Amino acid sequence: MPAHNASGDMTIKPAITMAARVLLGLLGAVSAASADDTHCEVSSDDDLTLNPRSLILIRESGTPQRLVMRQGVLCVDDRWVEPKADDRTRLIQFERQIRDGVPLAQAVGRAAADIAITALGEVAAGFSRNPEATRAQLANVREKIDIRLKQSFSKSQLTLVEIDDAIGALVAELLPQLIGDVVAGAVQSAITGNDVQLRSLDGLEARIERLVEPQARALRPRAQQWCRRLEALDGLDNALAYRLPSGEPLQLLRVDRRTVK
């Protein structure tokens, strides 16, 4: 009996290691397939909300706590400001470009979600103990993402620059179960001697990369377009002559576009 357990351990441990390696490599495969020559990193201290009349920016800490843009007029913490002509033009352009960019942001977010779910679905199909149940859960997550992306800005605090975070949070709901399924499946295959299923883990990363590469390639032009829009918004923000009572600029967002090596 002890010899049998030792042999089982020798078989199971490599299987678990292999499963863990594939799961860790999964993220790398998706990342590599969706990588682009440039990376657009955006940060903002504000949550952005749109309604039919205004663009509203709310800051959790610091000042100003609330900004409202409405057709070139600016409200700073409940105090309406009449900007100079050049700033008025910039504010009008900023609000218009945000509104015009919403469909593109939604499309980019939806495509990014498809890539992530396609990759997870490949793992589920290949090694989950219950592929159909996992696929159903993935479909449910996909539906949640679509609803999130379509929801009205007047009823939410969906921040344009954090769409990827929202997608990541929803997809992450499935990861614990998926990891458990894959590891448990690897252990079961090792115990039952199912070498075919164990060998199916080999090359899974490459298969996923090949699978998502066309989607990632199709996404790149839209992602680049969205990045250029964000850069234009950042340019308008930086050009504003208006200063807060403290003397500081508004600093609505920060965009860092750099080459990925």
Protein backbone atom coordinates (compact mmCIF):
# COMPACT_ATOMS: atom_id res chain seq x y z
CA MET A 1 0.00 0.00 0.00
CA PRO A 2 2.71 2.56 0.85
CA ALA A 3 4.46 1.75 -2.43
CA HIS A 4 1.22 2.36 -4.31
CA ASN A 5 0.75 5.75 -2.63
CA ALA A 6 4.33 6.71 -3.43
CA SER A 7 3.82 5.76 -7.06
CA GLY A 8 0.57 7.69 -7.11
CA ASP A 9 2.32 10.74 -5.67
CA MET A 10 5.00 10.48 -8.35
CA THR A 11 2.30 10.52 -11.02
CA ILE A 12 -0.02 13.08 -9.47
CA LYS A 13 2.57 15.71 -8.63
CA PRO A 14 3.77 16.14 -12.23
CA ALA A 15 0.14 16.26 -13.36
CA ILE A 16 -0.66 19.05 -10.90
CA THR A 17 2.51 20.89 -11.88
CA MET A 18 1.60 20.58 -15.54
CA ALA A 19 -1.94 21.83 -14.92
CA ALA A 20 -0.69 24.78 -12.89
CA ARG A 21 1.86 25.63 -15.56
CA VAL A 22 -0.81 25.64 -18.25
CA LEU A 23 -3.12 27.85 -16.22
CA LEU A 24 -0.32 30.34 -15.55
CA GLY A 25 0.77 30.17 -19.17
CA LEU A 26 -2.79 30.79 -20.32
CA LEU A 27 -2.53 34.42 -19.26
CA GLY A 28 0.74 34.75 -21.09
CA ALA A 29 -0.68 33.22 -24.24
CA VAL A 30 -3.63 35.60 -24.31
CA SER A 31 -1.38 38.54 -23.51
CA ALA A 32 1.06 37.64 -26.25
CA ALA A 33 -1.70 37.20 -28.80
CA SER A 34 -3.30 40.54 -27.95
CA ALA A 35 -0.05 42.47 -27.59
CA ASP A 36 0.48 45.52 -29.77
CA ASP A 37 3.45 47.67 -30.66
CA THR A 38 2.16 50.39 -28.36
CA HIS A 39 0.55 50.43 -24.96
CA CYS A 40 -1.83 53.17 -23.89
CA GLU A 41 -1.90 53.53 -20.13
CA VAL A 42 -4.65 55.80 -18.82
CA SER A 43 -5.27 56.99 -15.29
CA SER A 44 -7.80 59.34 -13.76
CA ASP A 45 -8.76 60.42 -10.26
CA ASP A 46 -12.40 60.77 -11.31
CA ASP A 47 -15.39 58.54 -12.02
CA LEU A 48 -17.07 59.66 -15.22
CA THR A 49 -20.81 59.66 -15.81
CA LEU A 50 -22.75 60.92 -18.81
CA ASN A 51 -26.36 61.96 -18.92
CA PRO A 52 -28.29 63.66 -21.75
CA ARG A 53 -27.36 67.13 -20.48
CA SER A 54 -23.96 66.89 -18.82
CA LEU A 55 -20.66 65.14 -18.34
CA ILE A 56 -20.06 64.60 -14.61
CA LEU A 57 -16.75 63.80 -12.92
CA ILE A 58 -16.74 62.74 -9.26
CA ARG A 59 -13.59 62.39 -7.18
CA GLU A 60 -13.59 60.19 -4.06
CA SER A 61 -10.84 62.16 -2.35
CA GLY A 62 -9.19 65.51 -2.89
CA THR A 63 -10.57 68.56 -4.62
CA PRO A 64 -12.59 69.33 -6.57
CA GLN A 65 -15.00 66.59 -5.53
CA ARG A 66 -17.43 67.19 -8.36
CA LEU A 67 -17.10 68.68 -11.84
CA VAL A 68 -19.93 69.18 -14.30
CA MET A 69 -19.39 70.05 -17.98
CA ARG A 70 -22.35 71.29 -19.95
CA GLN A 71 -21.92 72.72 -23.44
CA GLY A 72 -18.73 74.59 -22.60
CA VAL A 73 -19.75 75.74 -19.14
CA LEU A 74 -18.05 74.31 -16.07
CA CYS A 75 -19.40 73.74 -12.57
CA VAL A 76 -16.73 73.18 -9.90
CA ASP A 77 -18.11 71.91 -6.57
CA ASP A 78 -21.51 73.56 -7.18
CA ARG A 79 -19.97 76.83 -8.37
CA TRP A 80 -20.61 77.65 -12.01
CA VAL A 81 -17.61 79.01 -13.91
CA GLU A 82 -17.81 80.91 -17.20
CA PRO A 83 -14.56 79.96 -18.97
CA LYS A 84 -12.77 82.08 -21.53
CA ALA A 85 -13.60 81.53 -25.19
CA ASP A 86 -10.71 79.14 -25.92
CA ASP A 87 -11.44 77.04 -22.85
CA ARG A 88 -15.13 76.99 -23.68
CA THR A 89 -14.27 75.53 -27.10
CA ARG A 90 -12.00 72.93 -25.50
CA LEU A 91 -14.66 71.91 -22.97
CA ILE A 92 -17.24 71.54 -25.74
CA GLN A 93 -14.82 69.38 -27.72
CA PHE A 94 -13.92 67.31 -24.65
CA GLU A 95 -17.57 66.52 -23.89
CA ARG A 96 -18.39 65.82 -27.54
CA GLN A 97 -15.42 63.50 -28.00
CA ILE A 98 -16.32 61.56 -24.86
CA ARG A 99 -19.88 61.06 -26.12
CA ASP A 100 -18.71 60.12 -29.62
CA GLY A 101 -16.17 57.68 -28.18
CA VAL A 102 -18.59 55.64 -26.07
CA PRO A 103 -19.58 53.20 -28.86
CA LEU A 104 -15.91 52.60 -29.69
CA ALA A 105 -15.05 52.02 -26.03
CA GLN A 106 -17.91 49.54 -25.78
CA ALA A 107 -16.76 47.72 -28.93
CA VAL A 108 -13.18 47.47 -27.68
CA GLY A 109 -14.36 46.20 -24.31
CA ARG A 110 -16.65 43.64 -25.91
CA ALA A 111 -13.88 42.35 -28.18
CA ALA A 112 -11.44 42.10 -25.27
CA ALA A 113 -14.04 40.12 -23.33
CA ASP A 114 -14.49 37.76 -26.27
CA ILE A 115 -10.75 37.06 -26.34
CA ALA A 116 -10.62 36.26 -22.62
CA ILE A 117 -13.71 34.05 -22.74
CA THR A 118 -12.52 32.24 -25.87
CA ALA A 119 -9.31 31.32 -24.07
CA LEU A 120 -11.11 30.18 -20.93
CA GLY A 121 -13.57 28.22 -23.04
CA GLU A 122 -10.71 26.33 -24.68
CA VAL A 123 -9.41 25.30 -21.27
CA ALA A 124 -12.91 24.27 -20.19
CA ALA A 125 -13.44 22.19 -23.32
CA GLY A 126 -10.09 20.49 -22.98
CA PHE A 127 -9.79 19.73 -19.31
CA SER A 128 -12.71 20.82 -17.14
CA ARG A 129 -14.51 18.01 -15.31
CA ASN A 130 -17.79 19.51 -16.53
CA PRO A 131 -17.14 21.41 -19.77
CA GLU A 132 -20.81 22.13 -20.45
CA ALA A 133 -21.36 23.69 -17.02
CA THR A 134 -18.22 25.80 -17.42
CA ARG A 135 -19.31 26.92 -20.89
CA ALA A 136 -22.69 27.91 -19.47
CA GLN A 137 -20.97 29.97 -16.80
CA LEU A 138 -18.75 31.59 -19.39
CA ALA A 139 -21.83 32.49 -21.42
CA ASN A 140 -23.34 34.02 -18.29
CA VAL A 141 -20.21 36.09 -17.68
CA ARG A 142 -20.25 37.18 -21.34
CA GLU A 143 -23.86 38.32 -20.96
CA LYS A 144 -23.00 40.28 -17.80
CA ILE A 145 -20.15 42.02 -19.61
CA ASP A 146 -22.41 42.92 -22.52
CA ILE A 147 -25.03 44.36 -20.17
CA ARG A 148 -22.34 46.31 -18.34
CA LEU A 149 -21.02 47.77 -21.57
CA LYS A 150 -24.48 48.69 -22.85
CA GLN A 151 -25.84 50.20 -19.67
CA SER A 152 -26.72 53.86 -19.57
CA PHE A 153 -24.01 56.17 -18.29
CA SER A 154 -26.73 58.17 -16.57
CA LYS A 155 -27.47 55.18 -14.33
CA SER A 156 -23.95 54.04 -13.53
CA GLN A 157 -20.43 55.02 -12.63
CA LEU A 158 -18.87 53.12 -15.52
CA THR A 159 -15.51 54.79 -16.07
CA LEU A 160 -14.34 54.69 -19.66
CA VAL A 161 -10.68 54.21 -18.77
CA GLU A 162 -11.45 51.24 -16.50
CA ILE A 163 -13.46 49.00 -18.81
CA ASP A 164 -10.68 46.41 -18.74
CA ASP A 165 -10.89 46.31 -14.93
CA ALA A 166 -14.64 45.61 -15.10
CA ILE A 167 -14.10 42.78 -17.57
CA GLY A 168 -11.27 41.37 -15.47
CA ALA A 169 -13.40 41.37 -12.34
CA LEU A 170 -16.25 39.51 -14.04
CA VAL A 171 -13.96 36.93 -15.66
CA ALA A 172 -12.12 36.46 -12.35
CA GLU A 173 -15.35 35.16 -10.81
CA LEU A 174 -14.84 31.94 -12.77
CA LEU A 175 -11.12 31.45 -12.21
CA PRO A 176 -11.24 29.68 -8.80
CA GLN A 177 -13.66 27.05 -10.08
CA LEU A 178 -11.82 26.68 -13.38
CA ILE A 179 -8.49 26.24 -11.63
CA GLY A 180 -10.07 23.67 -9.31
CA ASP A 181 -11.56 21.81 -12.27
CA VAL A 182 -8.30 21.67 -14.18
CA VAL A 183 -6.19 20.56 -11.22
CA ALA A 184 -8.81 18.00 -10.14
CA GLY A 185 -9.04 16.76 -13.71
CA ALA A 186 -5.27 16.39 -13.87
CA VAL A 187 -5.24 14.42 -10.62
CA GLN A 188 -8.09 12.18 -11.80
CA SER A 189 -6.33 11.54 -15.11
CA ALA A 190 -3.12 10.67 -13.28
CA ILE A 191 -4.91 8.25 -10.95
CA THR A 192 -6.84 6.55 -13.75
CA GLY A 193 -3.86 6.54 -16.09
CA ASN A 194 -5.60 8.68 -18.71
CA ASP A 195 -2.42 9.63 -20.55
CA VAL A 196 -4.36 10.99 -23.52
CA GLN A 197 -6.03 13.65 -21.42
CA LEU A 198 -2.79 14.48 -19.63
CA ARG A 199 -1.02 14.88 -22.96
CA SER A 200 -3.82 17.21 -24.08
CA LEU A 201 -2.36 19.80 -21.71
CA ASP A 202 0.81 19.84 -23.81
CA GLY A 203 0.52 22.51 -26.45
CA LEU A 204 -2.64 24.00 -24.94
CA GLU A 205 -1.00 27.40 -24.62
CA ALA A 206 -0.01 27.39 -28.29
CA ARG A 207 -3.52 26.29 -29.33
CA ILE A 208 -5.07 29.10 -27.32
CA GLU A 209 -2.66 31.62 -28.82
CA ARG A 210 -3.52 30.45 -32.34
CA LEU A 211 -7.21 30.59 -31.49
CA VAL A 212 -7.27 34.13 -30.11
CA GLU A 213 -4.68 35.66 -32.47
CA PRO A 214 -7.22 36.48 -35.24
CA GLN A 215 -9.50 38.16 -32.69
CA ALA A 216 -6.60 40.08 -31.18
CA ARG A 217 -5.37 41.16 -34.62
CA ALA A 218 -8.86 42.42 -35.51
CA LEU A 219 -9.06 44.30 -32.21
CA ARG A 220 -5.77 46.19 -32.60
CA PRO A 221 -6.95 48.92 -35.03
CA ARG A 222 -9.92 49.79 -32.81
CA ALA A 223 -7.77 49.71 -29.68
CA GLN A 224 -5.28 52.05 -31.35
CA GLN A 225 -8.12 54.31 -32.44
CA TRP A 226 -9.43 54.43 -28.86
CA CYS A 227 -5.94 55.21 -27.62
CA ARG A 228 -5.66 58.11 -30.08
CA ARG A 229 -9.00 59.43 -28.85
CA LEU A 230 -7.77 59.31 -25.26
CA GLU A 231 -4.60 61.14 -26.26
CA ALA A 232 -6.71 63.84 -27.94
CA LEU A 233 -8.79 64.18 -24.76
CA ASP A 234 -5.62 64.43 -22.71
CA GLY A 235 -4.39 67.15 -25.06
CA LEU A 236 -7.58 69.17 -24.59
CA ASP A 237 -7.31 68.71 -20.82
CA ASN A 238 -3.67 69.85 -20.79
CA ALA A 239 -4.46 72.89 -22.95
CA LEU A 240 -7.11 74.28 -20.57
CA ALA A 241 -6.02 77.65 -19.20
CA TYR A 242 -8.54 77.45 -16.35
CA ARG A 243 -7.07 76.88 -12.91
CA LEU A 244 -8.72 75.71 -9.71
CA PRO A 245 -8.86 78.10 -6.73
CA SER A 246 -5.73 76.33 -5.50
CA GLY A 247 -3.95 77.33 -8.71
CA GLU A 248 -3.72 73.74 -9.95
CA PRO A 249 -4.94 72.55 -13.38
CA LEU A 250 -8.02 70.32 -13.64
CA GLN A 251 -5.96 67.25 -14.69
CA LEU A 252 -8.96 65.19 -15.78
CA LEU A 253 -6.91 62.27 -17.07
CA ARG A 254 -3.36 61.20 -17.81
CA VAL A 255 -2.33 59.18 -20.85
CA ASP A 256 1.03 57.48 -21.32
CA ARG A 257 1.53 55.86 -24.70
CA ARG A 258 4.77 53.96 -25.09
CA THR A 259 6.26 51.25 -27.23
CA VAL A 260 6.04 47.72 -25.83
CA LYS A 261 9.25 45.76 -26.28
